[in-house]
PDB file of all heavy atoms in Angstrom:
ATOM      1  N   PRO A   1       0.770  -1.237  -0.019  1.00  0.00           N
ATOM      2  CA  PRO A   1      -0.016   0.002   0.006  1.00  0.00           C
ATOM      3  C   PRO A   1       0.809   1.303   0.011  1.00  0.00           C
ATOM      4  O   PRO A   1       0.362   2.310  -0.437  1.00  0.00           O
ATOM      5  CB  PRO A   1      -0.841  -0.149   1.274  1.00  0.00           C
ATOM      6  CG  PRO A   1      -0.895  -1.571   1.563  1.00  0.00           C
ATOM      7  CD  PRO A   1       0.406  -2.148   1.110  1.00  0.00           C
ATOM      8  N   THR A   2       2.071   1.247   0.521  1.00  0.00           N
ATOM      9  CA  THR A   2       2.882   2.424   0.581  1.00  0.00           C
ATOM     10  C   THR A   2       3.247   2.905  -0.846  1.00  0.00           C
ATOM     11  O   THR A   2       3.839   4.041  -0.929  1.00  0.00           O
ATOM     12  CB  THR A   2       4.152   2.225   1.497  1.00  0.00           C
ATOM     13  OG1 THR A   2       4.936   1.199   0.879  1.00  0.00           O
ATOM     14  CG2 THR A   2       3.720   1.853   2.855  1.00  0.00           C
ATOM     15  N   THR A   3       3.048   2.134  -1.822  1.00  0.00           N
ATOM     16  CA  THR A   3       3.477   2.567  -3.215  1.00  0.00           C
ATOM     17  C   THR A   3       2.619   3.811  -3.615  1.00  0.00           C
ATOM     18  O   THR A   3       3.169   4.632  -4.386  1.00  0.00           O
ATOM     19  CB  THR A   3       3.261   1.463  -4.205  1.00  0.00           C
ATOM     20  OG1 THR A   3       1.932   0.945  -4.052  1.00  0.00           O
ATOM     21  CG2 THR A   3       4.258   0.311  -4.017  1.00  0.00           C
ATOM     22  N   TYR A   4       1.396   3.891  -3.177  1.00  0.00           N
ATOM     23  CA  TYR A   4       0.581   5.028  -3.503  1.00  0.00           C
ATOM     24  C   TYR A   4      -0.187   5.691  -2.348  1.00  0.00           C
ATOM     25  O   TYR A   4      -1.164   6.454  -2.535  1.00  0.00           O
ATOM     26  CB  TYR A   4      -0.475   4.642  -4.644  1.00  0.00           C
ATOM     27  CG  TYR A   4       0.261   4.485  -5.982  1.00  0.00           C
ATOM     28  CD1 TYR A   4       0.638   3.268  -6.422  1.00  0.00           C
ATOM     29  CD2 TYR A   4       0.424   5.606  -6.841  1.00  0.00           C
ATOM     30  CE1 TYR A   4       1.198   3.111  -7.667  1.00  0.00           C
ATOM     31  CE2 TYR A   4       0.954   5.466  -8.023  1.00  0.00           C
ATOM     32  CZ  TYR A   4       1.428   4.217  -8.460  1.00  0.00           C
ATOM     33  OH  TYR A   4       1.966   4.092  -9.746  1.00  0.00           O
ATOM     34  N   GLU A   5       0.215   5.317  -1.127  1.00  0.00           N
ATOM     35  CA  GLU A   5      -0.442   5.894   0.029  1.00  0.00           C
ATOM     36  C   GLU A   5       0.630   6.513   1.024  1.00  0.00           C
ATOM     37  O   GLU A   5       1.576   5.771   1.357  1.00  0.00           O
ATOM     38  CB  GLU A   5      -1.287   4.929   0.833  1.00  0.00           C
ATOM     39  CG  GLU A   5      -2.513   4.431   0.105  1.00  0.00           C
ATOM     40  CD  GLU A   5      -3.278   3.400   0.817  1.00  0.00           C
ATOM     41  OE1 GLU A   5      -2.855   2.851   1.752  1.00  0.00           O
ATOM     42  OE2 GLU A   5      -4.412   3.019   0.328  1.00  0.00           O
ATOM     43  N   HIS A   6       0.453   7.769   1.372  1.00  0.00           N
ATOM     44  CA  HIS A   6       1.473   8.456   2.178  1.00  0.00           C
ATOM     45  C   HIS A   6       1.387   8.089   3.639  1.00  0.00           C
ATOM     46  O   HIS A   6       2.297   8.274   4.383  1.00  0.00           O
ATOM     47  CB  HIS A   6       1.414   9.963   1.941  1.00  0.00           C
ATOM     48  CG  HIS A   6       0.173  10.609   2.405  1.00  0.00           C
ATOM     49  ND1 HIS A   6       0.114  11.452   3.456  1.00  0.00           N
ATOM     50  CD2 HIS A   6      -1.085  10.556   1.990  1.00  0.00           C
ATOM     51  CE1 HIS A   6      -1.102  11.932   3.721  1.00  0.00           C
ATOM     52  NE2 HIS A   6      -1.868  11.357   2.763  1.00  0.00           N
ATOM     53  N   ILE A   7       0.068   7.624   4.062  1.00  0.00           N
ATOM     54  CA  ILE A   7      -0.062   7.126   5.458  1.00  0.00           C
ATOM     55  C   ILE A   7      -1.076   5.947   5.349  1.00  0.00           C
ATOM     56  O   ILE A   7      -1.852   5.904   4.373  1.00  0.00           O
ATOM     57  CB  ILE A   7      -0.647   8.173   6.393  1.00  0.00           C
ATOM     58  CG1 ILE A   7      -2.026   8.642   6.000  1.00  0.00           C
ATOM     59  CG2 ILE A   7       0.352   9.381   6.579  1.00  0.00           C
ATOM     60  CD1 ILE A   7      -2.791   9.358   7.047  1.00  0.00           C
ATOM     61  N   PRO A   8      -1.084   5.008   6.322  1.00  0.00           N
ATOM     62  CA  PRO A   8      -2.189   4.072   6.367  1.00  0.00           C
ATOM     63  C   PRO A   8      -3.489   4.787   6.586  1.00  0.00           C
ATOM     64  O   PRO A   8      -3.646   5.573   7.570  1.00  0.00           O
ATOM     65  CB  PRO A   8      -1.779   3.220   7.585  1.00  0.00           C
ATOM     66  CG  PRO A   8      -0.320   3.393   7.828  1.00  0.00           C
ATOM     67  CD  PRO A   8      -0.108   4.867   7.382  1.00  0.00           C
ATOM     68  N   PRO A   9      -4.507   4.538   5.771  1.00  0.00           N
ATOM     69  CA  PRO A   9      -5.824   5.287   5.991  1.00  0.00           C
ATOM     70  C   PRO A   9      -6.415   5.142   7.270  1.00  0.00           C
ATOM     71  O   PRO A   9      -7.063   6.033   7.799  1.00  0.00           O
ATOM     72  CB  PRO A   9      -6.709   4.748   4.809  1.00  0.00           C
ATOM     73  CG  PRO A   9      -5.992   3.489   4.347  1.00  0.00           C
ATOM     74  CD  PRO A   9      -4.570   3.626   4.643  1.00  0.00           C
ATOM     75  N   GLU A  10      -6.290   3.939   7.925  1.00  0.00           N
ATOM     76  CA  GLU A  10      -6.959   3.725   9.191  1.00  0.00           C
ATOM     77  C   GLU A  10      -6.413   4.586  10.354  1.00  0.00           C
ATOM     78  O   GLU A  10      -6.999   4.737  11.408  1.00  0.00           O
ATOM     79  CB  GLU A  10      -6.887   2.246   9.586  1.00  0.00           C
ATOM     80  CG  GLU A  10      -5.510   1.713   9.719  1.00  0.00           C
ATOM     81  CD  GLU A  10      -4.907   1.154   8.455  1.00  0.00           C
ATOM     82  OE1 GLU A  10      -5.474   1.446   7.397  1.00  0.00           O
ATOM     83  OE2 GLU A  10      -3.867   0.504   8.516  1.00  0.00           O
ATOM     84  N   THR A  11      -5.222   5.177  10.086  1.00  0.00           N
ATOM     85  CA  THR A  11      -4.570   6.025  11.138  1.00  0.00           C
ATOM     86  C   THR A  11      -5.474   7.262  11.475  1.00  0.00           C
ATOM     87  O   THR A  11      -5.554   7.750  12.569  1.00  0.00           O
ATOM     88  CB  THR A  11      -3.200   6.548  10.572  1.00  0.00           C
ATOM     89  OG1 THR A  11      -2.427   5.427  10.142  1.00  0.00           O
ATOM     90  CG2 THR A  11      -2.509   7.370  11.648  1.00  0.00           C
ATOM     91  N   VAL A  12      -6.223   7.742  10.402  1.00  0.00           N
ATOM     92  CA  VAL A  12      -7.125   8.840  10.677  1.00  0.00           C
ATOM     93  C   VAL A  12      -8.618   8.378  10.636  1.00  0.00           C
ATOM     94  O   VAL A  12      -9.488   9.276  10.538  1.00  0.00           O
ATOM     95  CB  VAL A  12      -6.862   9.949   9.614  1.00  0.00           C
ATOM     96  CG1 VAL A  12      -5.534  10.631   9.865  1.00  0.00           C
ATOM     97  CG2 VAL A  12      -6.964   9.447   8.221  1.00  0.00           C
ATOM     98  N   GLY A  13      -8.782   7.084  10.600  1.00  0.00           N
ATOM     99  CA  GLY A  13     -10.213   6.575  10.586  1.00  0.00           C
ATOM    100  C   GLY A  13     -10.748   6.448   9.181  1.00  0.00           C
ATOM    101  O   GLY A  13     -11.972   6.406   9.059  1.00  0.00           O
ATOM    102  N   ASN A  14      -9.916   6.538   8.151  1.00  0.00           N
ATOM    103  CA  ASN A  14     -10.376   6.432   6.811  1.00  0.00           C
ATOM    104  C   ASN A  14     -10.259   4.947   6.296  1.00  0.00           C
ATOM    105  O   ASN A  14      -9.760   4.142   6.993  1.00  0.00           O
ATOM    106  CB  ASN A  14      -9.659   7.406   5.906  1.00  0.00           C
ATOM    107  CG  ASN A  14     -10.534   7.967   4.757  1.00  0.00           C
ATOM    108  OD1 ASN A  14     -11.503   7.319   4.342  1.00  0.00           O
ATOM    109  ND2 ASN A  14     -10.276   9.178   4.309  1.00  0.00           N
ATOM    110  N   ALA A  15     -10.598   4.739   4.989  1.00  0.00           N
ATOM    111  CA  ALA A  15     -10.430   3.383   4.478  1.00  0.00           C
ATOM    112  C   ALA A  15      -9.968   3.472   3.015  1.00  0.00           C
ATOM    113  O   ALA A  15     -10.243   4.425   2.293  1.00  0.00           O
ATOM    114  CB  ALA A  15     -11.795   2.670   4.537  1.00  0.00           C
ATOM    115  N   ARG A  16      -9.280   2.478   2.572  1.00  0.00           N
ATOM    116  CA  ARG A  16      -8.843   2.345   1.188  1.00  0.00           C
ATOM    117  C   ARG A  16      -9.984   1.959   0.287  1.00  0.00           C
ATOM    118  O   ARG A  16     -10.828   1.152   0.665  1.00  0.00           O
ATOM    119  CB  ARG A  16      -7.678   1.274   1.121  1.00  0.00           C
ATOM    120  CG  ARG A  16      -7.131   1.079  -0.282  1.00  0.00           C
ATOM    121  CD  ARG A  16      -5.985   0.072  -0.188  1.00  0.00           C
ATOM    122  NE  ARG A  16      -4.959   0.533   0.772  1.00  0.00           N
ATOM    123  CZ  ARG A  16      -4.682  -0.150   1.866  1.00  0.00           C
ATOM    124  NH1 ARG A  16      -5.304  -1.319   2.150  1.00  0.00           N
ATOM    125  NH2 ARG A  16      -3.717   0.288   2.692  1.00  0.00           N
ATOM    126  N   ILE A  17     -10.047   2.573  -0.843  1.00  0.00           N
ATOM    127  CA  ILE A  17     -11.108   2.276  -1.877  1.00  0.00           C
ATOM    128  C   ILE A  17     -10.362   1.951  -3.222  1.00  0.00           C
ATOM    129  O   ILE A  17      -9.564   2.797  -3.654  1.00  0.00           O
ATOM    130  CB  ILE A  17     -12.097   3.361  -2.013  1.00  0.00           C
ATOM    131  CG1 ILE A  17     -12.865   3.565  -0.763  1.00  0.00           C
ATOM    132  CG2 ILE A  17     -13.031   3.088  -3.199  1.00  0.00           C
ATOM    133  CD1 ILE A  17     -13.866   4.746  -0.823  1.00  0.00           C
ATOM    134  N   VAL A  18     -10.710   0.887  -3.807  1.00  0.00           N
ATOM    135  CA  VAL A  18     -10.284   0.614  -5.161  1.00  0.00           C
ATOM    136  C   VAL A  18     -11.471   0.691  -6.069  1.00  0.00           C
ATOM    137  O   VAL A  18     -12.211  -0.330  -6.173  1.00  0.00           O
ATOM    138  CB  VAL A  18      -9.538  -0.744  -5.344  1.00  0.00           C
ATOM    139  CG1 VAL A  18      -9.065  -0.909  -6.734  1.00  0.00           C
ATOM    140  CG2 VAL A  18      -8.367  -0.804  -4.335  1.00  0.00           C
ATOM    141  N   PRO A  19     -11.788   1.800  -6.668  1.00  0.00           N
ATOM    142  CA  PRO A  19     -13.027   1.888  -7.412  1.00  0.00           C
ATOM    143  C   PRO A  19     -13.045   1.039  -8.669  1.00  0.00           C
ATOM    144  O   PRO A  19     -12.001   0.683  -9.180  1.00  0.00           O
ATOM    145  CB  PRO A  19     -13.100   3.446  -7.885  1.00  0.00           C
ATOM    146  CG  PRO A  19     -12.071   4.056  -6.994  1.00  0.00           C
ATOM    147  CD  PRO A  19     -11.018   3.028  -6.713  1.00  0.00           C
ATOM    148  N   MET A  20     -14.233   0.637  -9.137  1.00  0.00           N
ATOM    149  CA  MET A  20     -14.387  -0.035 -10.333  1.00  0.00           C
ATOM    150  C   MET A  20     -14.856   1.006 -11.395  1.00  0.00           C
ATOM    151  O   MET A  20     -15.789   1.797 -11.176  1.00  0.00           O
ATOM    152  CB  MET A  20     -15.412  -1.162 -10.278  1.00  0.00           C
ATOM    153  CG  MET A  20     -14.953  -2.329  -9.391  1.00  0.00           C
ATOM    154  SD  MET A  20     -13.258  -2.971  -9.929  1.00  0.00           S
ATOM    155  CE  MET A  20     -13.641  -3.391 -11.652  1.00  0.00           C
ATOM    156  N   SER A  21     -14.225   0.905 -12.587  1.00  0.00           N
ATOM    157  CA  SER A  21     -14.706   1.814 -13.668  1.00  0.00           C
ATOM    158  C   SER A  21     -14.232   1.176 -15.027  1.00  0.00           C
ATOM    159  O   SER A  21     -13.594   0.143 -15.088  1.00  0.00           O
ATOM    160  CB  SER A  21     -14.022   3.219 -13.524  1.00  0.00           C
ATOM    161  OG  SER A  21     -12.634   3.086 -13.763  1.00  0.00           O
ATOM    162  N   ASN A  22     -14.556   1.838 -16.050  1.00  0.00           N
ATOM    163  CA  ASN A  22     -14.133   1.364 -17.373  1.00  0.00           C
ATOM    164  C   ASN A  22     -12.635   1.470 -17.606  1.00  0.00           C
ATOM    165  O   ASN A  22     -12.132   1.027 -18.649  1.00  0.00           O
ATOM    166  CB  ASN A  22     -14.940   1.977 -18.505  1.00  0.00           C
ATOM    167  CG  ASN A  22     -14.699   3.493 -18.552  1.00  0.00           C
ATOM    168  OD1 ASN A  22     -13.800   4.019 -17.926  1.00  0.00           O
ATOM    169  ND2 ASN A  22     -15.571   4.213 -19.207  1.00  0.00           N
ATOM    170  N   GLN A  23     -11.883   1.993 -16.680  1.00  0.00           N
ATOM    171  CA  GLN A  23     -10.429   2.035 -16.752  1.00  0.00           C
ATOM    172  C   GLN A  23      -9.855   0.876 -15.971  1.00  0.00           C
ATOM    173  O   GLN A  23      -8.645   0.670 -15.945  1.00  0.00           O
ATOM    174  CB  GLN A  23      -9.866   3.348 -16.140  1.00  0.00           C
ATOM    175  CG  GLN A  23     -10.247   4.526 -16.947  1.00  0.00           C
ATOM    176  CD  GLN A  23      -9.646   5.772 -16.351  1.00  0.00           C
ATOM    177  OE1 GLN A  23      -8.496   5.794 -15.987  1.00  0.00           O
ATOM    178  NE2 GLN A  23     -10.312   6.890 -16.253  1.00  0.00           N
ATOM    179  N   ALA A  24     -10.747   0.136 -15.301  1.00  0.00           N
ATOM    180  CA  ALA A  24     -10.230  -0.905 -14.343  1.00  0.00           C
ATOM    181  C   ALA A  24      -9.600  -2.109 -14.996  1.00  0.00           C
ATOM    182  O   ALA A  24     -10.041  -2.464 -16.098  1.00  0.00           O
ATOM    183  CB  ALA A  24     -11.354  -1.297 -13.393  1.00  0.00           C
ATOM    184  N   GLY A  25      -8.753  -2.732 -14.310  1.00  0.00           N
ATOM    185  CA  GLY A  25      -8.137  -4.046 -14.747  1.00  0.00           C
ATOM    186  C   GLY A  25      -8.436  -5.087 -13.671  1.00  0.00           C
ATOM    187  O   GLY A  25      -9.121  -4.838 -12.669  1.00  0.00           O
ATOM    188  N   GLN A  26      -7.836  -6.236 -13.835  1.00  0.00           N
ATOM    189  CA  GLN A  26      -8.051  -7.292 -12.942  1.00  0.00           C
ATOM    190  C   GLN A  26      -7.458  -7.019 -11.530  1.00  0.00           C
ATOM    191  O   GLN A  26      -7.890  -7.599 -10.575  1.00  0.00           O
ATOM    192  CB  GLN A  26      -7.586  -8.637 -13.487  1.00  0.00           C
ATOM    193  CG  GLN A  26      -8.376  -9.163 -14.612  1.00  0.00           C
ATOM    194  CD  GLN A  26      -8.169 -10.576 -14.976  1.00  0.00           C
ATOM    195  OE1 GLN A  26      -7.343 -11.201 -14.370  1.00  0.00           O
ATOM    196  NE2 GLN A  26      -8.900 -11.100 -15.921  1.00  0.00           N
ATOM    197  N   SER A  27      -6.391  -6.221 -11.477  1.00  0.00           N
ATOM    198  CA  SER A  27      -5.810  -5.912 -10.183  1.00  0.00           C
ATOM    199  C   SER A  27      -6.827  -5.162  -9.356  1.00  0.00           C
ATOM    200  O   SER A  27      -6.991  -5.402  -8.129  1.00  0.00           O
ATOM    201  CB  SER A  27      -4.524  -5.031 -10.352  1.00  0.00           C
ATOM    202  OG  SER A  27      -3.552  -5.793 -11.039  1.00  0.00           O
ATOM    203  N   ASN A  28      -7.512  -4.139  -9.964  1.00  0.00           N
ATOM    204  CA  ASN A  28      -8.526  -3.417  -9.266  1.00  0.00           C
ATOM    205  C   ASN A  28      -9.636  -4.362  -8.778  1.00  0.00           C
ATOM    206  O   ASN A  28     -10.092  -4.323  -7.578  1.00  0.00           O
ATOM    207  CB  ASN A  28      -9.158  -2.323 -10.085  1.00  0.00           C
ATOM    208  CG  ASN A  28      -8.245  -1.265 -10.510  1.00  0.00           C
ATOM    209  OD1 ASN A  28      -7.176  -1.509 -11.067  1.00  0.00           O
ATOM    210  ND2 ASN A  28      -8.574   0.029 -10.252  1.00  0.00           N
ATOM    211  N   LEU A  29     -10.017  -5.207  -9.712  1.00  0.00           N
ATOM    212  CA  LEU A  29     -11.098  -6.103  -9.374  1.00  0.00           C
ATOM    213  C   LEU A  29     -10.772  -7.064  -8.218  1.00  0.00           C
ATOM    214  O   LEU A  29     -11.641  -7.212  -7.306  1.00  0.00           O
ATOM    215  CB  LEU A  29     -11.462  -6.891 -10.661  1.00  0.00           C
ATOM    216  CG  LEU A  29     -12.684  -7.853 -10.562  1.00  0.00           C
ATOM    217  CD1 LEU A  29     -13.883  -7.092 -10.072  1.00  0.00           C
ATOM    218  CD2 LEU A  29     -12.902  -8.520 -11.850  1.00  0.00           C
TER     219      LEU A  29
END
């Protein structure tokens, strides 16, 4: 996760989201 996140989201009570869209690939899925 540290590749694209500057802090762990749960540190501030947030959550990671990997949206689905027409740009998505199998990694997102």
